[in-house]
């Protein structure tokens, strides 16, 4: 009979998968934001790191694994100076993704894919303040020592291509 609680070996596996996921997201984010500005730094990392998420779900198959992965990502975003919205977004979408997986007993491929799509929306957390809280986001950048040229370039592409 399979135990439904997360065990020590599950937590270790979650840690390993989360570390790999984080590294892939980081590499993909830096690479794509340099090559293709705009939404690419959200979409491409989500596509590249999906295999790690799928492996986590298939190996663990217990409620909480996805939530813990999202929590770790949230803590990283928050501790690296992003808005609290980044923290909350990751946690909320991770819990919803975990619930989707739980409902399907982590076995239905379509539901696992849906779970990952929902989980990936958590990566939008650092980006949302740029669109919806621009003044506060700019104030945060100034407080962190960013100059006007940096801030102008950051918003230049977004304003040209995503604001209608």
Protein backbone atom coordinates (compact mmCIF):
# COMPACT_ATOMS: atom_id res chain seq x y z
CA UNK A 1 0.00 0.00 0.00
CA UNK A 2 1.41 3.36 -1.06
CA UNK A 3 1.82 5.95 1.68
CA UNK A 4 0.11 9.27 0.85
CA UNK A 5 2.32 11.40 3.11
CA UNK A 6 5.53 12.94 1.90
CA UNK A 7 8.48 11.01 3.31
CA UNK A 8 12.10 12.10 3.75
CA UNK A 9 13.14 10.53 0.43
CA UNK A 10 10.27 12.39 -1.26
CA UNK A 11 11.49 15.69 0.19
CA UNK A 12 15.01 14.96 -1.04
CA UNK A 13 13.66 14.18 -4.52
CA UNK A 14 11.58 17.36 -4.47
CA UNK A 15 14.71 19.32 -3.55
CA UNK A 16 16.70 17.79 -6.39
CA UNK A 17 13.94 18.34 -8.97
CA UNK A 18 13.38 21.90 -7.72
CA UNK A 19 17.09 22.69 -8.01
CA UNK A 20 17.20 21.34 -11.57
CA UNK A 21 13.98 23.19 -12.42
CA UNK A 22 15.40 26.41 -10.99
CA UNK A 23 18.66 26.08 -12.95
CA UNK A 24 16.79 25.44 -16.22
CA UNK A 25 14.42 28.37 -15.65
CA UNK A 26 17.34 30.65 -14.79
CA UNK A 27 19.41 29.69 -17.83
CA UNK A 28 16.41 29.93 -20.15
CA UNK A 29 15.37 33.28 -18.69
CA UNK A 30 18.78 34.86 -19.14
CA UNK A 31 19.26 33.42 -22.62
CA UNK A 32 15.84 34.33 -23.97
CA UNK A 33 15.65 37.79 -22.40
CA UNK A 34 18.94 38.61 -24.12
CA UNK A 35 17.85 37.19 -27.49
CA UNK A 36 14.08 37.75 -27.59
CA UNK A 37 12.87 40.49 -25.25
CA UNK A 38 9.35 40.71 -23.91
CA UNK A 39 7.22 37.74 -22.90
CA UNK A 40 9.85 35.24 -23.97
CA UNK A 41 11.45 35.32 -20.54
CA UNK A 42 8.27 33.84 -19.14
CA UNK A 43 7.12 31.49 -21.89
CA UNK A 44 10.38 29.89 -23.01
CA UNK A 45 11.59 28.98 -19.49
CA UNK A 46 8.23 27.35 -18.81
CA UNK A 47 8.55 25.25 -21.95
CA UNK A 48 12.14 24.23 -21.27
CA UNK A 49 11.66 23.24 -17.64
CA UNK A 50 8.46 21.25 -18.18
CA UNK A 51 10.25 17.90 -18.37
CA UNK A 52 11.59 18.35 -14.83
CA UNK A 53 8.10 19.12 -13.54
CA UNK A 54 6.70 16.03 -15.25
CA UNK A 55 9.42 13.84 -13.75
CA UNK A 56 8.68 15.24 -10.29
CA UNK A 57 4.98 14.49 -10.63
CA UNK A 58 5.50 10.97 -11.97
CA UNK A 59 8.09 10.07 -9.33
CA UNK A 60 6.41 11.51 -6.24
CA UNK A 61 2.65 11.28 -6.99
CA UNK A 62 1.72 12.84 -3.63
CA UNK A 63 -0.04 16.03 -2.71
CA UNK A 64 2.42 18.68 -1.60
CA UNK A 65 5.31 18.00 -3.96
CA UNK A 66 4.21 20.62 -6.49
CA UNK A 67 3.31 23.06 -3.72
CA UNK A 68 6.78 22.73 -2.17
CA UNK A 69 8.42 23.35 -5.56
CA UNK A 70 6.29 26.49 -5.96
CA UNK A 71 7.08 27.59 -2.41
CA UNK A 72 10.83 27.33 -3.04
CA UNK A 73 10.47 29.37 -6.23
CA UNK A 74 8.39 31.92 -4.29
CA UNK A 75 11.01 32.25 -1.59
CA UNK A 76 13.69 32.80 -4.23
CA UNK A 77 11.69 35.51 -5.99
CA UNK A 78 10.87 37.30 -2.76
CA UNK A 79 14.40 37.06 -1.35
CA UNK A 80 15.89 38.36 -4.60
CA UNK A 81 13.97 41.61 -4.29
CA UNK A 82 10.79 40.99 -6.28
CA UNK A 83 7.45 42.27 -5.09
CA UNK A 84 5.35 40.26 -2.66
CA UNK A 85 3.07 39.60 -5.63
CA UNK A 86 5.77 37.25 -6.98
CA UNK A 87 5.69 35.26 -3.77
CA UNK A 88 1.91 35.03 -3.62
CA UNK A 89 1.47 34.23 -7.32
CA UNK A 90 3.83 31.26 -7.20
CA UNK A 91 2.22 29.79 -4.09
CA UNK A 92 -1.35 30.19 -5.35
CA UNK A 93 -0.67 28.63 -8.74
CA UNK A 94 1.42 25.83 -7.20
CA UNK A 95 -1.41 24.87 -4.84
CA UNK A 96 -3.94 24.92 -7.68
CA UNK A 97 -1.58 22.81 -9.82
CA UNK A 98 -1.14 20.35 -6.95
CA UNK A 99 -4.93 20.10 -6.54
CA UNK A 100 -5.33 19.37 -10.27
CA UNK A 101 -2.75 16.61 -9.99
CA UNK A 102 -4.35 15.26 -6.83
CA UNK A 103 -7.80 15.10 -8.44
CA UNK A 104 -6.35 12.96 -11.24
CA UNK A 105 -4.27 10.91 -8.76
CA UNK A 106 -1.22 12.17 -10.68
CA UNK A 107 -1.87 9.61 -13.42
CA UNK A 108 -3.92 11.33 -16.15
CA UNK A 109 -1.49 12.82 -18.70
CA UNK A 110 -3.86 15.58 -19.79
CA UNK A 111 -4.47 16.62 -16.18
CA UNK A 112 -0.74 16.58 -15.41
CA UNK A 113 -0.16 18.81 -18.43
CA UNK A 114 -2.95 21.13 -17.27
CA UNK A 115 -1.35 21.10 -13.83
CA UNK A 116 1.96 22.22 -15.34
CA UNK A 117 0.31 24.96 -17.37
CA UNK A 118 -1.30 26.29 -14.19
CA UNK A 119 1.98 25.95 -12.27
CA UNK A 120 3.81 27.89 -14.98
CA UNK A 121 1.57 30.90 -14.45
CA UNK A 122 3.47 31.31 -11.19
CA UNK A 123 6.46 32.45 -13.25
CA UNK A 124 4.39 35.51 -14.15
CA UNK A 125 4.71 36.75 -10.58
CA UNK A 126 7.83 38.86 -11.16
CA UNK A 127 6.37 40.28 -14.39
CA UNK A 128 2.90 41.27 -13.19
CA UNK A 129 4.06 44.34 -11.24
CA UNK A 130 5.71 45.68 -14.42
CA UNK A 131 2.31 45.76 -16.09
CA UNK A 132 -0.08 46.53 -13.25
CA UNK A 133 2.01 48.36 -10.65
CA UNK A 134 4.48 50.22 -12.85
CA UNK A 135 5.02 53.22 -10.54
CA UNK A 136 5.69 51.00 -7.51
CA UNK A 137 7.92 48.74 -9.63
CA UNK A 138 9.98 51.71 -10.83
CA UNK A 139 10.26 53.02 -7.25
CA UNK A 140 11.52 49.58 -6.18
CA UNK A 141 14.13 49.60 -8.96
CA UNK A 142 15.31 53.08 -7.99
CA UNK A 143 15.55 52.00 -4.35
CA UNK A 144 17.69 49.05 -5.49
CA UNK A 145 20.10 51.45 -7.26
CA UNK A 146 18.97 51.08 -10.88
CA UNK A 147 19.50 54.17 -13.04
CA UNK A 148 17.01 55.86 -15.37
CA UNK A 149 18.60 54.40 -18.52
CA UNK A 150 18.19 50.86 -17.22
CA UNK A 151 14.57 51.48 -16.26
CA UNK A 152 13.78 53.14 -19.60
CA UNK A 153 15.23 50.20 -21.56
CA UNK A 154 13.37 47.72 -19.39
CA UNK A 155 10.01 49.25 -20.21
CA UNK A 156 10.78 50.34 -23.78
CA UNK A 157 10.10 47.01 -25.44
CA UNK A 158 7.05 46.25 -23.32
CA UNK A 159 5.45 49.62 -24.05
CA UNK A 160 6.15 49.36 -27.78
CA UNK A 161 4.85 45.83 -28.19
CA UNK A 162 2.41 45.00 -25.44
CA UNK A 163 0.51 48.15 -24.58
CA UNK A 164 -2.29 48.88 -27.03
